[in-house]
Amino acid sequence: MTQHHEVEFLDTHQHLIYPDKAGYAWTDEVPALAGKAFSLSLYKELTASKGVKATIFMESGTDDPDYQREVYMVAELARDPASKILGIIASCRVERKEGFDAWLEECSDLPVVAFRGLLHSLTRDNVQNPVSIANARKIGTRGLVFDLCGPLEQMSNAAELVKACPDTFFMLDHCGVPDIAGGDMSEWKQGIDRMAQLPNVACKVSGVTAYCGSRPITLETLRPWLDYVVGAFGTDRLVWGSDWPVVNVGKGIAAWIDLSRDYLAPFSRDEQIAIASANAERIYKVG
């Protein structure tokens, strides 16, 4: 790894998976995750010497009946300062009217700093649905961030939702889920440009090693994609995340941190700190 002054990371995308406490059916289709637990203690063990100063927990795709219970489970962990969990990105069902307001209110008593909605549910009909728009606006009214994650083909729908909610700040997870394995950047670039033109969106540099397929997980492979989001969003609208344990589909969290450091090495010290932690502290209001 290139030698340079190290900055500390605020990991804005830490999943924790406790199969004995909640259901995670989606992991059954991911060999690197299937049937395994990924606890806070394991995360701390893997990152102990890697310069991760704190984390924001990201909802872990629990089965529908468990998504609210997950928040309470992690809130209990976060009560211990040694957990280094500064906040929670909770799951929500933005397309549903029933129960949404009550869930927002419930989360106001918990260390929730954002909500995440999956783009799989942001079909054209849902995006144009007044319920989705109203609920996304309510997240912004509370001063919270709305993380967006999902397949590339839904990015245009996401942009329409963002436009309809100018007072809500959105975070585009995983660099917009690029098709690095396929190598075609054209449609993805259009989506990134569309999102970056909107002032109330930032981009999370996370998850990309899981999209490499059979291509080598190297800086050479990832650089064109990373360079493009830097050019589109600028260094003041990028945050960093590990996407642990999904990062195990790639080379794991330690390798992703090393790769991230190498990529950031040519940047100024201030730019490195901005991407590694300062932007996230400002956007999510933590730290």
C-alpha atoms as a PDB file:
ATOM      1  CA  MET A   1       0.000   0.000   0.000  1.00  0.00           C
ATOM      2  CA  THR A   2       1.183   3.523  -0.743  1.00  0.00           C
ATOM      3  CA  GLN A   3       2.680   5.192   2.320  1.00  0.00           C
ATOM      4  CA  HIS A   4       1.087   8.507   3.299  1.00  0.00           C
ATOM      5  CA  HIS A   5      -0.384  10.295   6.291  1.00  0.00           C
ATOM      6  CA  GLU A   6      -3.458   8.437   7.360  1.00  0.00           C
ATOM      7  CA  VAL A   7      -6.793  10.060   8.001  1.00  0.00           C
ATOM      8  CA  GLU A   8      -9.462   8.459  10.154  1.00  0.00           C
ATOM      9  CA  PHE A   9     -12.663   7.187   8.597  1.00  0.00           C
ATOM     10  CA  LEU A  10     -16.225   7.651   9.764  1.00  0.00           C
ATOM     11  CA  ASP A  11     -17.907   4.557   8.385  1.00  0.00           C
ATOM     12  CA  THR A  12     -21.365   5.683   7.243  1.00  0.00           C
ATOM     13  CA  HIS A  13     -22.476   2.242   6.104  1.00  0.00           C
ATOM     14  CA  GLN A  14     -21.999  -0.346   8.833  1.00  0.00           C
ATOM     15  CA  HIS A  15     -24.405  -3.265   8.716  1.00  0.00           C
ATOM     16  CA  LEU A  16     -24.741  -5.620  11.666  1.00  0.00           C
ATOM     17  CA  ILE A  17     -26.402  -8.987  11.199  1.00  0.00           C
ATOM     18  CA  TYR A  18     -27.704 -11.001  14.144  1.00  0.00           C
ATOM     19  CA  PRO A  19     -29.614 -14.003  12.742  1.00  0.00           C
ATOM     20  CA  ASP A  20     -30.668 -15.042  16.241  1.00  0.00           C
ATOM     21  CA  LYS A  21     -32.516 -11.742  16.720  1.00  0.00           C
ATOM     22  CA  ALA A  22     -33.980 -10.919  13.301  1.00  0.00           C
ATOM     23  CA  GLY A  23     -34.587 -12.383   9.867  1.00  0.00           C
ATOM     24  CA  TYR A  24     -32.343 -11.522   6.915  1.00  0.00           C
ATOM     25  CA  ALA A  25     -33.726 -13.627   4.082  1.00  0.00           C
ATOM     26  CA  TRP A  26     -31.762 -11.731   1.421  1.00  0.00           C
ATOM     27  CA  THR A  27     -28.474 -13.077   2.787  1.00  0.00           C
ATOM     28  CA  ASP A  28     -29.469 -16.610   1.781  1.00  0.00           C
ATOM     29  CA  GLU A  29     -28.650 -15.668  -1.813  1.00  0.00           C
ATOM     30  CA  VAL A  30     -25.192 -14.305  -0.941  1.00  0.00           C
ATOM     31  CA  PRO A  31     -22.701 -17.120  -0.222  1.00  0.00           C
ATOM     32  CA  ALA A  32     -20.317 -14.776   1.602  1.00  0.00           C
ATOM     33  CA  LEU A  33     -23.075 -13.948   4.088  1.00  0.00           C
ATOM     34  CA  ALA A  34     -25.495 -16.882   4.166  1.00  0.00           C
ATOM     35  CA  GLY A  35     -26.064 -18.391   7.586  1.00  0.00           C
ATOM     36  CA  LYS A  36     -23.495 -16.184   9.301  1.00  0.00           C
ATOM     37  CA  ALA A  37     -23.590 -13.569  12.033  1.00  0.00           C
ATOM     38  CA  PHE A  38     -21.779 -10.258  11.670  1.00  0.00           C
ATOM     39  CA  SER A  39     -21.651  -8.686  15.094  1.00  0.00           C
ATOM     40  CA  LEU A  40     -20.355  -5.407  16.449  1.00  0.00           C
ATOM     41  CA  SER A  41     -17.538  -7.240  18.220  1.00  0.00           C
ATOM     42  CA  LEU A  42     -16.431  -8.816  14.940  1.00  0.00           C
ATOM     43  CA  TYR A  43     -16.533  -5.454  13.181  1.00  0.00           C
ATOM     44  CA  LYS A  44     -14.386  -3.894  15.906  1.00  0.00           C
ATOM     45  CA  GLU A  45     -11.929  -6.766  15.674  1.00  0.00           C
ATOM     46  CA  LEU A  46     -11.569  -6.392  11.895  1.00  0.00           C
ATOM     47  CA  THR A  47     -11.135  -2.615  12.016  1.00  0.00           C
ATOM     48  CA  ALA A  48      -9.116  -2.267  15.224  1.00  0.00           C
ATOM     49  CA  SER A  49      -5.931  -1.166  13.456  1.00  0.00           C
ATOM     50  CA  LYS A  50      -7.477   0.327  10.323  1.00  0.00           C
ATOM     51  CA  GLY A  51      -8.181   3.893  11.424  1.00  0.00           C
ATOM     52  CA  VAL A  52     -11.979   3.779  11.707  1.00  0.00           C
ATOM     53  CA  LYS A  53     -12.852   6.314  14.386  1.00  0.00           C
ATOM     54  CA  ALA A  54     -16.610   5.837  14.466  1.00  0.00           C
ATOM     55  CA  THR A  55     -19.581   4.461  12.550  1.00  0.00           C
ATOM     56  CA  ILE A  56     -23.132   5.113  11.502  1.00  0.00           C
ATOM     57  CA  PHE A  57     -25.204   1.949  11.471  1.00  0.00           C
ATOM     58  CA  MET A  58     -27.071   1.269   8.243  1.00  0.00           C
ATOM     59  CA  GLU A  59     -30.280  -0.745   8.368  1.00  0.00           C
ATOM     60  CA  SER A  60     -29.453  -4.272   7.279  1.00  0.00           C
ATOM     61  CA  GLY A  61     -32.421  -5.319   5.204  1.00  0.00           C
ATOM     62  CA  THR A  62     -34.229  -7.279   7.870  1.00  0.00           C
ATOM     63  CA  ASP A  63     -37.370  -9.145   6.947  1.00  0.00           C
ATOM     64  CA  ASP A  64     -40.326  -6.769   7.011  1.00  0.00           C
ATOM     65  CA  PRO A  65     -41.656  -7.711  10.467  1.00  0.00           C
ATOM     66  CA  ASP A  66     -38.257  -6.970  12.047  1.00  0.00           C
ATOM     67  CA  TYR A  67     -37.169  -3.609  10.621  1.00  0.00           C
ATOM     68  CA  GLN A  68     -38.400  -1.585  13.587  1.00  0.00           C
ATOM     69  CA  ARG A  69     -37.071  -4.002  16.179  1.00  0.00           C
ATOM     70  CA  GLU A  70     -33.642  -3.728  14.539  1.00  0.00           C
ATOM     71  CA  VAL A  71     -33.463  -0.025  15.399  1.00  0.00           C
ATOM     72  CA  TYR A  72     -34.064  -0.704  19.085  1.00  0.00           C
ATOM     73  CA  MET A  73     -31.476  -3.474  19.056  1.00  0.00           C
ATOM     74  CA  VAL A  74     -28.796  -1.186  17.627  1.00  0.00           C
ATOM     75  CA  ALA A  75     -29.841   1.759  19.795  1.00  0.00           C
ATOM     76  CA  GLU A  76     -29.102  -0.411  22.812  1.00  0.00           C
ATOM     77  CA  LEU A  77     -25.623  -1.160  21.430  1.00  0.00           C
ATOM     78  CA  ALA A  78     -25.036   2.523  20.714  1.00  0.00           C
ATOM     79  CA  ARG A  79     -25.708   3.474  24.344  1.00  0.00           C
ATOM     80  CA  ASP A  80     -22.210   2.188  25.123  1.00  0.00           C
ATOM     81  CA  PRO A  81     -19.690   4.844  23.990  1.00  0.00           C
ATOM     82  CA  ALA A  82     -17.230   2.048  23.266  1.00  0.00           C
ATOM     83  CA  SER A  83     -19.494   0.937  20.424  1.00  0.00           C
ATOM     84  CA  LYS A  84     -18.453   4.067  18.494  1.00  0.00           C
ATOM     85  CA  ILE A  85     -21.884   4.025  16.824  1.00  0.00           C
ATOM     86  CA  LEU A  86     -22.753   7.715  16.422  1.00  0.00           C
ATOM     87  CA  GLY A  87     -26.135   7.243  14.801  1.00  0.00           C
ATOM     88  CA  ILE A  88     -28.576   4.945  13.041  1.00  0.00           C
ATOM     89  CA  ILE A  89     -29.923   4.990   9.498  1.00  0.00           C
ATOM     90  CA  ALA A  90     -33.271   3.303  10.021  1.00  0.00           C
ATOM     91  CA  SER A  91     -35.389   1.493   7.489  1.00  0.00           C
ATOM     92  CA  CYS A  92     -38.663   3.045   6.432  1.00  0.00           C
ATOM     93  CA  ARG A  93     -41.484   2.364   4.010  1.00  0.00           C
ATOM     94  CA  VAL A  94     -41.757   5.710   2.272  1.00  0.00           C
ATOM     95  CA  GLU A  95     -44.452   4.484  -0.112  1.00  0.00           C
ATOM     96  CA  ARG A  96     -46.810   3.564   2.738  1.00  0.00           C
ATOM     97  CA  LYS A  97     -49.123   6.028   4.438  1.00  0.00           C
ATOM     98  CA  GLU A  98     -50.166   3.757   7.270  1.00  0.00           C
ATOM     99  CA  GLY A  99     -47.782   3.910  10.204  1.00  0.00           C
ATOM    100  CA  PHE A 100     -45.206   6.238   8.641  1.00  0.00           C
ATOM    101  CA  ASP A 101     -45.833   9.254  10.876  1.00  0.00           C
ATOM    102  CA  ALA A 102     -45.890   7.066  13.963  1.00  0.00           C
ATOM    103  CA  TRP A 103     -42.554   5.497  12.997  1.00  0.00           C
ATOM    104  CA  LEU A 104     -40.948   8.905  12.464  1.00  0.00           C
ATOM    105  CA  GLU A 105     -42.168  10.023  15.854  1.00  0.00           C
ATOM    106  CA  GLU A 106     -40.982   6.821  17.508  1.00  0.00           C
ATOM    107  CA  CYS A 107     -37.517   7.289  16.035  1.00  0.00           C
ATOM    108  CA  SER A 108     -37.270  10.816  17.416  1.00  0.00           C
ATOM    109  CA  ASP A 109     -36.496   9.272  20.806  1.00  0.00           C
ATOM    110  CA  LEU A 110     -33.745   7.093  19.316  1.00  0.00           C
ATOM    111  CA  PRO A 111     -30.320   7.995  17.842  1.00  0.00           C
ATOM    112  CA  VAL A 112     -31.713   7.952  14.294  1.00  0.00           C
ATOM    113  CA  VAL A 113     -29.940  10.384  11.939  1.00  0.00           C
ATOM    114  CA  ALA A 114     -31.436   9.220   8.648  1.00  0.00           C
ATOM    115  CA  PHE A 115     -33.797   6.793   6.979  1.00  0.00           C
ATOM    116  CA  ARG A 116     -33.231   4.553   4.006  1.00  0.00           C
ATOM    117  CA  GLY A 117     -35.650   3.666   1.267  1.00  0.00           C
ATOM    118  CA  LEU A 118     -34.798   1.078  -1.345  1.00  0.00           C
ATOM    119  CA  LEU A 119     -35.056   2.146  -4.981  1.00  0.00           C
ATOM    120  CA  HIS A 120     -36.577  -1.235  -5.785  1.00  0.00           C
ATOM    121  CA  SER A 121     -39.773   0.253  -4.376  1.00  0.00           C
ATOM    122  CA  LEU A 122     -39.355   3.574  -6.172  1.00  0.00           C
ATOM    123  CA  THR A 123     -41.220   2.636  -9.309  1.00  0.00           C
ATOM    124  CA  ARG A 124     -42.540   5.437 -11.479  1.00  0.00           C
ATOM    125  CA  ASP A 125     -45.963   5.021  -9.875  1.00  0.00           C
ATOM    126  CA  ASN A 126     -44.535   5.174  -6.364  1.00  0.00           C
ATOM    127  CA  VAL A 127     -42.385   8.223  -7.088  1.00  0.00           C
ATOM    128  CA  GLN A 128     -45.362  10.087  -8.495  1.00  0.00           C
ATOM    129  CA  ASN A 129     -47.491   8.928  -5.579  1.00  0.00           C
ATOM    130  CA  PRO A 130     -48.254  11.875  -3.277  1.00  0.00           C
ATOM    131  CA  VAL A 131     -47.722   9.568  -0.292  1.00  0.00           C
ATOM    132  CA  SER A 132     -44.070   8.898  -1.183  1.00  0.00           C
ATOM    133  CA  ILE A 133     -43.404  12.571  -1.794  1.00  0.00           C
ATOM    134  CA  ALA A 134     -45.132  13.651   1.408  1.00  0.00           C
ATOM    135  CA  ASN A 135     -43.267  11.085   3.491  1.00  0.00           C
ATOM    136  CA  ALA A 136     -39.883  11.994   2.008  1.00  0.00           C
ATOM    137  CA  ARG A 137     -40.617  15.639   2.767  1.00  0.00           C
ATOM    138  CA  LYS A 138     -41.442  14.748   6.366  1.00  0.00           C
ATOM    139  CA  ILE A 139     -37.978  13.236   6.764  1.00  0.00           C
ATOM    140  CA  GLY A 140     -36.471  16.553   5.706  1.00  0.00           C
ATOM    141  CA  THR A 141     -38.782  18.520   7.979  1.00  0.00           C
ATOM    142  CA  ARG A 142     -37.218  16.678  10.905  1.00  0.00           C
ATOM    143  CA  GLY A 143     -33.736  17.601   9.696  1.00  0.00           C
ATOM    144  CA  LEU A 144     -32.896  14.013   8.791  1.00  0.00           C
ATOM    145  CA  VAL A 145     -31.262  12.534   5.704  1.00  0.00           C
ATOM    146  CA  PHE A 146     -32.905  10.117   3.282  1.00  0.00           C
ATOM    147  CA  ASP A 147     -30.506   7.457   1.953  1.00  0.00           C
ATOM    148  CA  LEU A 148     -31.362   5.938  -1.426  1.00  0.00           C
ATOM    149  CA  CYS A 149     -30.111   2.574  -2.615  1.00  0.00           C
ATOM    150  CA  GLY A 150     -31.074   0.349  -5.497  1.00  0.00           C
ATOM    151  CA  PRO A 151     -30.561  -0.702  -9.093  1.00  0.00           C
ATOM    152  CA  LEU A 152     -29.266   1.656 -11.746  1.00  0.00           C
ATOM    153  CA  GLU A 153     -32.485   1.589 -13.745  1.00  0.00           C
ATOM    154  CA  GLN A 154     -34.335   3.264 -10.863  1.00  0.00           C
ATOM    155  CA  MET A 155     -31.984   6.241 -10.600  1.00  0.00           C
ATOM    156  CA  SER A 156     -34.096   8.447 -12.856  1.00  0.00           C
ATOM    157  CA  ASN A 157     -37.089   7.747 -10.614  1.00  0.00           C
ATOM    158  CA  ALA A 158     -35.003   8.652  -7.586  1.00  0.00           C
ATOM    159  CA  ALA A 159     -34.046  11.945  -9.216  1.00  0.00           C
ATOM    160  CA  GLU A 160     -37.722  12.800  -9.644  1.00  0.00           C
ATOM    161  CA  LEU A 161     -38.318  12.186  -5.953  1.00  0.00           C
ATOM    162  CA  VAL A 162     -35.336  14.341  -5.007  1.00  0.00           C
ATOM    163  CA  LYS A 163     -36.618  17.187  -7.193  1.00  0.00           C
ATOM    164  CA  ALA A 164     -40.007  16.987  -5.505  1.00  0.00           C
ATOM    165  CA  CYS A 165     -38.416  17.302  -2.053  1.00  0.00           C
ATOM    166  CA  PRO A 166     -35.999  20.254  -2.197  1.00  0.00           C
ATOM    167  CA  ASP A 167     -35.888  20.610   1.585  1.00  0.00           C
ATOM    168  CA  THR A 168     -34.899  16.986   2.193  1.00  0.00           C
ATOM    169  CA  PHE A 169     -31.239  16.034   1.865  1.00  0.00           C
ATOM    170  CA  PHE A 170     -30.627  12.727   0.087  1.00  0.00           C
ATOM    171  CA  MET A 171     -27.652  10.373   0.078  1.00  0.00           C
ATOM    172  CA  LEU A 172     -27.043   8.204  -2.989  1.00  0.00           C
ATOM    173  CA  ASP A 173     -25.577   4.979  -1.643  1.00  0.00           C
ATOM    174  CA  HIS A 174     -22.883   2.880  -3.294  1.00  0.00           C
ATOM    175  CA  CYS A 175     -22.015   5.402  -6.033  1.00  0.00           C
ATOM    176  CA  GLY A 176     -25.369   4.672  -7.634  1.00  0.00           C
ATOM    177  CA  VAL A 177     -24.665   0.920  -7.991  1.00  0.00           C
ATOM    178  CA  PRO A 178     -22.469   0.954 -11.117  1.00  0.00           C
ATOM    179  CA  ASP A 179     -22.081  -2.057 -13.396  1.00  0.00           C
ATOM    180  CA  ILE A 180     -18.345  -2.359 -12.908  1.00  0.00           C
ATOM    181  CA  ALA A 181     -18.378  -6.018 -13.931  1.00  0.00           C
ATOM    182  CA  GLY A 182     -20.000  -5.165 -17.260  1.00  0.00           C
ATOM    183  CA  GLY A 183     -17.863  -2.096 -17.762  1.00  0.00           C
ATOM    184  CA  ASP A 184     -20.488   0.068 -19.486  1.00  0.00           C
ATOM    185  CA  MET A 185     -20.403   3.494 -17.869  1.00  0.00           C
ATOM    186  CA  SER A 186     -22.735   5.399 -20.209  1.00  0.00           C
ATOM    187  CA  GLU A 187     -26.118   4.923 -18.516  1.00  0.00           C
ATOM    188  CA  TRP A 188     -24.565   5.146 -15.071  1.00  0.00           C
ATOM    189  CA  LYS A 189     -22.830   8.422 -15.931  1.00  0.00           C
ATOM    190  CA  GLN A 190     -26.130   9.887 -17.072  1.00  0.00           C
ATOM    191  CA  GLY A 191     -27.719   8.886 -13.779  1.00  0.00           C
ATOM    192  CA  ILE A 192     -24.844  10.291 -11.740  1.00  0.00           C
ATOM    193  CA  ASP A 193     -24.967  13.564 -13.670  1.00  0.00           C
ATOM    194  CA  ARG A 194     -28.714  13.806 -13.125  1.00  0.00           C
ATOM    195  CA  MET A 195     -28.336  13.320  -9.381  1.00  0.00           C
ATOM    196  CA  ALA A 196     -25.249  15.515  -8.989  1.00  0.00           C
ATOM    197  CA  GLN A 197     -27.032  18.462 -10.595  1.00  0.00           C
ATOM    198  CA  LEU A 198     -29.449  18.479  -7.671  1.00  0.00           C
ATOM    199  CA  PRO A 199     -28.047  20.476  -4.731  1.00  0.00           C
ATOM    200  CA  ASN A 200     -29.741  18.355  -2.070  1.00  0.00           C
ATOM    201  CA  VAL A 201     -27.901  15.122  -2.914  1.00  0.00           C
ATOM    202  CA  ALA A 202     -24.545  13.722  -1.830  1.00  0.00           C
ATOM    203  CA  CYS A 203     -22.932  10.439  -2.855  1.00  0.00           C
ATOM    204  CA  LYS A 204     -21.634   7.630  -0.685  1.00  0.00           C
ATOM    205  CA  VAL A 205     -18.405   5.968  -1.813  1.00  0.00           C
ATOM    206  CA  SER A 206     -19.211   2.472  -0.641  1.00  0.00           C
ATOM    207  CA  GLY A 207     -20.126  -0.974  -1.865  1.00  0.00           C
ATOM    208  CA  VAL A 208     -18.307  -0.782  -5.179  1.00  0.00           C
ATOM    209  CA  THR A 209     -16.004  -3.770  -4.684  1.00  0.00           C
ATOM    210  CA  ALA A 210     -19.085  -6.015  -4.626  1.00  0.00           C
ATOM    211  CA  TYR A 211     -19.896  -4.963  -8.201  1.00  0.00           C
ATOM    212  CA  CYS A 212     -16.616  -6.009  -9.818  1.00  0.00           C
ATOM    213  CA  GLY A 213     -17.697  -9.529 -10.755  1.00  0.00           C
ATOM    214  CA  SER A 214     -14.751 -11.366 -12.294  1.00  0.00           C
ATOM    215  CA  ARG A 215     -12.752  -8.177 -12.794  1.00  0.00           C
ATOM    216  CA  PRO A 216      -9.820  -7.705 -10.407  1.00  0.00           C
ATOM    217  CA  ILE A 217     -10.643  -5.655  -7.338  1.00  0.00           C
ATOM    218  CA  THR A 218      -7.869  -3.132  -7.762  1.00  0.00           C
ATOM    219  CA  LEU A 219      -7.507   0.613  -7.826  1.00  0.00           C
ATOM    220  CA  GLU A 220      -6.978   0.388 -11.576  1.00  0.00           C
ATOM    221  CA  THR A 221     -10.393  -1.242 -11.989  1.00  0.00           C
ATOM    222  CA  LEU A 222     -12.201   1.186  -9.704  1.00  0.00           C
ATOM    223  CA  ARG A 223     -10.439   4.446 -10.517  1.00  0.00           C
ATOM    224  CA  PRO A 224     -12.584   5.469 -13.544  1.00  0.00           C
ATOM    225  CA  TRP A 225     -15.764   5.062 -11.521  1.00  0.00           C
ATOM    226  CA  LEU A 226     -14.401   6.812  -8.438  1.00  0.00           C
ATOM    227  CA  ASP A 227     -12.943   9.627 -10.516  1.00  0.00           C
ATOM    228  CA  TYR A 228     -16.319  10.203 -12.126  1.00  0.00           C
ATOM    229  CA  VAL A 229     -18.225  10.620  -8.868  1.00  0.00           C
ATOM    230  CA  VAL A 230     -15.521  12.944  -7.557  1.00  0.00           C
ATOM    231  CA  GLY A 231     -15.824  15.032 -10.700  1.00  0.00           C
ATOM    232  CA  ALA A 232     -19.615  15.057 -10.554  1.00  0.00           C
ATOM    233  CA  PHE A 233     -20.198  15.692  -6.857  1.00  0.00           C
ATOM    234  CA  GLY A 234     -16.950  17.338  -5.792  1.00  0.00           C
ATOM    235  CA  THR A 235     -15.075  16.483  -2.635  1.00  0.00           C
ATOM    236  CA  ASP A 236     -17.590  18.337  -0.443  1.00  0.00           C
ATOM    237  CA  ARG A 237     -20.515  16.051  -1.371  1.00  0.00           C
ATOM    238  CA  LEU A 238     -18.894  12.656  -0.922  1.00  0.00           C
ATOM    239  CA  VAL A 239     -18.852  10.438   2.162  1.00  0.00           C
ATOM    240  CA  TRP A 240     -17.185   7.090   2.777  1.00  0.00           C
ATOM    241  CA  GLY A 241     -18.708   3.792   3.878  1.00  0.00           C
ATOM    242  CA  SER A 242     -17.560   0.203   4.222  1.00  0.00           C
ATOM    243  CA  ASP A 243     -20.786  -1.659   3.413  1.00  0.00           C
ATOM    244  CA  TRP A 244     -19.581  -4.319   5.833  1.00  0.00           C
ATOM    245  CA  PRO A 245     -20.216  -7.246   5.675  1.00  0.00           C
ATOM    246  CA  VAL A 246     -21.416  -7.047   2.046  1.00  0.00           C
ATOM    247  CA  VAL A 247     -17.883  -5.876   1.304  1.00  0.00           C
ATOM    248  CA  ASN A 248     -16.927  -9.532   1.850  1.00  0.00           C
ATOM    249  CA  VAL A 249     -18.325 -10.204  -1.619  1.00  0.00           C
ATOM    250  CA  GLY A 250     -15.204  -8.311  -2.642  1.00  0.00           C
ATOM    251  CA  LYS A 251     -11.984  -8.615  -0.663  1.00  0.00           C
ATOM    252  CA  GLY A 252     -13.299  -7.624   2.742  1.00  0.00           C
ATOM    253  CA  ILE A 253     -13.239  -4.481   4.821  1.00  0.00           C
ATOM    254  CA  ALA A 254      -9.490  -4.266   5.453  1.00  0.00           C
ATOM    255  CA  ALA A 255      -8.709  -4.379   1.740  1.00  0.00           C
ATOM    256  CA  TRP A 256     -11.391  -1.764   0.981  1.00  0.00           C
ATOM    257  CA  ILE A 257      -9.956   0.594   3.589  1.00  0.00           C
ATOM    258  CA  ASP A 258      -6.453   0.152   2.153  1.00  0.00           C
ATOM    259  CA  LEU A 259      -7.721   0.718  -1.378  1.00  0.00           C
ATOM    260  CA  SER A 260      -9.615   3.813  -0.243  1.00  0.00           C
ATOM    261  CA  ARG A 261      -6.506   5.229   1.383  1.00  0.00           C
ATOM    262  CA  ASP A 262      -4.490   4.665  -1.767  1.00  0.00           C
ATOM    263  CA  TYR A 263      -7.148   6.378  -3.855  1.00  0.00           C
ATOM    264  CA  LEU A 264      -7.265   9.377  -1.514  1.00  0.00           C
ATOM    265  CA  ALA A 265      -3.480   9.703  -1.256  1.00  0.00           C
ATOM    266  CA  PRO A 266      -3.102  12.310  -4.060  1.00  0.00           C
ATOM    267  CA  PHE A 267      -5.848  14.511  -2.605  1.00  0.00           C
ATOM    268  CA  SER A 268      -5.049  17.391  -0.275  1.00  0.00           C
ATOM    269  CA  ARG A 269      -5.198  16.714   3.438  1.00  0.00           C
ATOM    270  CA  ASP A 270      -8.391  18.761   3.750  1.00  0.00           C
ATOM    271  CA  GLU A 271     -10.022  16.851   0.880  1.00  0.00           C
ATOM    272  CA  GLN A 272      -9.053  13.518   2.417  1.00  0.00           C
ATOM    273  CA  ILE A 273     -10.568  14.492   5.759  1.00  0.00           C
ATOM    274  CA  ALA A 274     -13.700  15.795   4.041  1.00  0.00           C
ATOM    275  CA  ILE A 275     -14.380  12.525   2.229  1.00  0.00           C
ATOM    276  CA  ALA A 276     -13.230  10.276   5.068  1.00  0.00           C
ATOM    277  CA  SER A 277     -15.250  11.895   7.846  1.00  0.00           C
ATOM    278  CA  ALA A 278     -15.961  15.639   7.872  1.00  0.00           C
ATOM    279  CA  ASN A 279     -18.653  15.649   5.183  1.00  0.00           C
ATOM    280  CA  ALA A 280     -20.487  12.822   6.921  1.00  0.00           C
ATOM    281  CA  GLU A 281     -20.300  14.593  10.267  1.00  0.00           C
ATOM    282  CA  ARG A 282     -21.839  17.686   8.677  1.00  0.00           C
ATOM    283  CA  ILE A 283     -24.513  15.946   6.605  1.00  0.00           C
ATOM    284  CA  TYR A 284     -25.639  13.416   9.214  1.00  0.00           C
ATOM    285  CA  LYS A 285     -25.072  15.878  12.099  1.00  0.00           C
ATOM    286  CA  VAL A 286     -22.879  13.545  14.153  1.00  0.00           C
ATOM    287  CA  GLY A 287     -19.415  13.706  15.673  1.00  0.00           C
END
